[in-house]
N, C-alpha and C. Protein backbone atom coordinates (compact mmCIF):
# COMPACT_ATOMS: atom_id res chain seq x y z
N UNK A 1 162.54 -34.40 -174.31
CA UNK A 1 161.25 -35.15 -173.78
C UNK A 1 161.62 -35.81 -172.31
N UNK A 2 160.89 -35.84 -171.29
CA UNK A 2 161.39 -36.37 -170.04
C UNK A 2 161.30 -37.88 -170.30
N UNK A 3 162.07 -38.50 -169.44
CA UNK A 3 162.25 -39.73 -169.49
C UNK A 3 161.86 -40.30 -168.05
N UNK A 4 161.00 -41.24 -167.95
CA UNK A 4 160.69 -41.78 -166.54
C UNK A 4 161.23 -43.01 -166.23
N UNK A 5 161.83 -43.15 -164.88
CA UNK A 5 162.32 -44.21 -164.40
C UNK A 5 161.43 -44.61 -163.16
N UNK A 6 161.48 -45.96 -162.84
CA UNK A 6 161.09 -46.22 -161.40
C UNK A 6 162.19 -46.85 -160.79
N UNK A 7 162.24 -46.24 -159.49
CA UNK A 7 163.39 -46.96 -158.88
C UNK A 7 162.69 -47.35 -157.47
N UNK A 8 163.59 -48.02 -156.62
CA UNK A 8 163.21 -49.12 -155.38
C UNK A 8 163.80 -48.23 -154.41
N UNK A 9 163.21 -47.86 -153.37
CA UNK A 9 163.86 -47.37 -152.25
C UNK A 9 164.35 -48.95 -151.29
N UNK A 10 165.81 -48.69 -150.71
CA UNK A 10 166.12 -49.99 -149.94
C UNK A 10 166.85 -49.55 -148.95
N UNK A 11 167.05 -50.50 -148.06
CA UNK A 11 167.89 -50.09 -146.58
C UNK A 11 169.44 -50.47 -146.65
N UNK A 12 170.12 -49.52 -146.46
CA UNK A 12 171.63 -49.80 -146.22
C UNK A 12 172.11 -49.33 -144.67
N UNK A 13 172.38 -50.20 -143.75
CA UNK A 13 172.43 -49.81 -142.72
C UNK A 13 171.21 -49.27 -142.15
N UNK A 14 171.24 -47.95 -141.31
CA UNK A 14 170.10 -47.10 -140.78
C UNK A 14 169.69 -46.06 -141.86
N UNK A 15 170.21 -46.23 -142.89
CA UNK A 15 169.74 -45.13 -144.08
C UNK A 15 168.95 -45.86 -145.17
N UNK A 16 168.29 -44.99 -145.95
CA UNK A 16 167.39 -45.50 -147.12
C UNK A 16 168.33 -44.98 -148.32
N UNK A 17 168.16 -45.92 -149.42
CA UNK A 17 169.00 -45.78 -150.49
C UNK A 17 168.08 -45.76 -151.90
N UNK A 18 168.35 -44.80 -152.57
CA UNK A 18 167.68 -44.95 -153.95
C UNK A 18 168.80 -45.10 -154.98
N UNK A 19 168.62 -46.22 -155.87
CA UNK A 19 169.82 -46.43 -156.79
C UNK A 19 169.26 -45.77 -157.97
N UNK A 20 170.33 -45.07 -158.42
CA UNK A 20 169.86 -44.25 -159.86
C UNK A 20 170.42 -45.37 -160.79
N UNK A 21 169.40 -45.02 -162.27
CA UNK A 21 169.68 -46.08 -163.32
C UNK A 21 170.95 -45.73 -163.89
N UNK A 22 171.38 -46.76 -164.55
CA UNK A 22 172.88 -46.40 -165.22
C UNK A 22 172.75 -45.04 -166.35
N UNK A 23 171.78 -45.57 -167.07
CA UNK A 23 171.64 -44.23 -168.16
C UNK A 23 171.60 -43.03 -167.55
N UNK A 24 170.85 -42.73 -166.18
CA UNK A 24 171.04 -41.50 -165.60
C UNK A 24 172.11 -41.13 -165.28
N UNK A 25 172.94 -41.80 -164.64
CA UNK A 25 174.11 -41.59 -163.78
C UNK A 25 175.41 -41.23 -165.12
N UNK A 26 175.04 -42.10 -166.04
CA UNK A 26 176.09 -41.80 -167.46
C UNK A 26 175.60 -40.42 -168.12
N UNK A 27 174.29 -40.52 -168.42
CA UNK A 27 173.81 -39.16 -168.97
C UNK A 27 174.20 -37.61 -168.23
N UNK A 28 174.37 -37.93 -167.12
CA UNK A 28 174.76 -36.57 -166.32
C UNK A 28 176.13 -36.59 -165.86
N UNK A 29 176.98 -37.70 -166.08
CA UNK A 29 178.28 -37.82 -165.76
C UNK A 29 178.70 -37.80 -164.29
N UNK A 30 178.01 -38.70 -163.51
CA UNK A 30 177.64 -38.75 -162.32
C UNK A 30 178.67 -39.92 -162.22
N UNK A 31 179.33 -39.90 -160.99
CA UNK A 31 180.13 -40.84 -160.28
C UNK A 31 180.21 -40.89 -158.73
N UNK A 32 180.68 -42.39 -158.17
CA UNK A 32 180.91 -42.45 -156.92
C UNK A 32 181.45 -41.30 -156.42
N UNK A 33 180.80 -40.76 -155.18
CA UNK A 33 181.34 -39.48 -154.38
C UNK A 33 180.88 -38.30 -154.84
N UNK A 34 180.03 -38.11 -155.99
CA UNK A 34 179.39 -37.02 -156.28
C UNK A 34 178.20 -36.43 -155.48
N UNK A 35 178.10 -35.44 -154.72
CA UNK A 35 177.01 -35.11 -153.88
C UNK A 35 176.06 -34.50 -154.34
N UNK A 36 174.66 -34.74 -154.22
CA UNK A 36 173.56 -34.36 -154.75
C UNK A 36 172.78 -33.63 -153.70
N UNK A 37 172.06 -32.60 -153.90
CA UNK A 37 171.15 -31.85 -152.96
C UNK A 37 169.61 -32.29 -153.54
N UNK A 38 169.11 -32.46 -152.62
CA UNK A 38 167.36 -32.96 -152.76
C UNK A 38 166.66 -31.62 -152.64
N UNK A 39 165.79 -31.21 -153.17
CA UNK A 39 164.73 -30.26 -152.69
C UNK A 39 163.56 -30.88 -152.64
N UNK A 40 163.01 -30.93 -151.50
CA UNK A 40 161.57 -31.36 -151.19
C UNK A 40 160.44 -30.46 -151.20
N UNK A 41 159.34 -30.70 -151.96
CA UNK A 41 158.44 -29.74 -151.95
C UNK A 41 157.20 -30.61 -152.01
N UNK A 42 156.04 -30.20 -151.44
CA UNK A 42 154.99 -30.87 -151.59
C UNK A 42 154.49 -31.84 -152.33
N UNK A 43 154.45 -31.37 -153.83
CA UNK A 43 154.50 -32.47 -155.21
C UNK A 43 155.46 -32.97 -155.56
N UNK A 44 156.56 -33.23 -154.68
CA UNK A 44 157.81 -34.06 -155.36
C UNK A 44 159.09 -33.65 -154.74
N UNK A 45 160.36 -34.74 -155.02
CA UNK A 45 161.45 -34.40 -154.48
C UNK A 45 162.15 -34.05 -156.05
N UNK A 46 163.04 -33.10 -155.62
CA UNK A 46 163.74 -32.72 -157.21
C UNK A 46 165.38 -32.54 -156.83
N UNK A 47 166.17 -33.06 -157.90
CA UNK A 47 167.43 -33.18 -157.75
C UNK A 47 168.08 -32.30 -158.66
N UNK A 48 168.46 -30.82 -158.52
CA UNK A 48 168.96 -29.84 -159.32
C UNK A 48 170.48 -30.58 -159.61
N UNK A 49 171.21 -30.53 -160.79
CA UNK A 49 172.37 -30.96 -160.86
C UNK A 49 173.23 -29.67 -160.96
N UNK A 50 174.36 -29.43 -160.18
CA UNK A 50 175.40 -28.34 -160.50
C UNK A 50 176.64 -28.92 -160.73
N UNK A 51 177.58 -28.22 -161.11
CA UNK A 51 179.07 -28.69 -161.08
C UNK A 51 179.38 -28.87 -159.70
N UNK A 52 180.46 -29.70 -159.59
CA UNK A 52 181.33 -30.20 -158.68
C UNK A 52 182.56 -29.27 -158.71
N UNK A 53 183.10 -29.04 -157.47
CA UNK A 53 184.40 -28.34 -157.32
C UNK A 53 185.25 -29.39 -157.80
N UNK A 54 186.31 -28.86 -158.26
CA UNK A 54 187.45 -29.83 -158.20
C UNK A 54 188.08 -30.59 -157.15
N UNK A 55 188.15 -31.75 -157.02
CA UNK A 55 188.80 -32.65 -155.89
C UNK A 55 187.44 -32.77 -155.09
N UNK A 56 186.17 -32.85 -155.48
CA UNK A 56 184.98 -33.15 -154.67
C UNK A 56 184.23 -34.28 -155.15
N UNK A 57 185.29 -35.16 -156.01
CA UNK A 57 184.78 -36.32 -156.96
C UNK A 57 185.72 -37.27 -156.33
N UNK A 58 185.14 -38.29 -155.92
CA UNK A 58 186.03 -39.73 -155.53
C UNK A 58 185.98 -40.98 -156.48
N UNK A 59 185.97 -40.60 -157.59
CA UNK A 59 186.03 -41.32 -159.06
C UNK A 59 186.60 -42.62 -158.98
N UNK A 60 187.97 -42.16 -158.53
CA UNK A 60 189.07 -43.01 -158.42
C UNK A 60 188.92 -44.37 -157.58
N UNK A 61 187.79 -44.17 -156.69
CA UNK A 61 187.55 -45.16 -155.63
C UNK A 61 187.00 -46.56 -156.25
């Protein structure tokens, strides 16, 4: 069953940032440096998860 989270868009320099809730980050084994692609459609924004190539994750930072 899908889980719904409400997030807030905030500013970081000249960018906008969405903070992912910790249960989402942990549940999908995401970490700092993990790159996500956004798919923007008329009815929403989707973030499909794909495997990261080795060496493309900066989790030691």
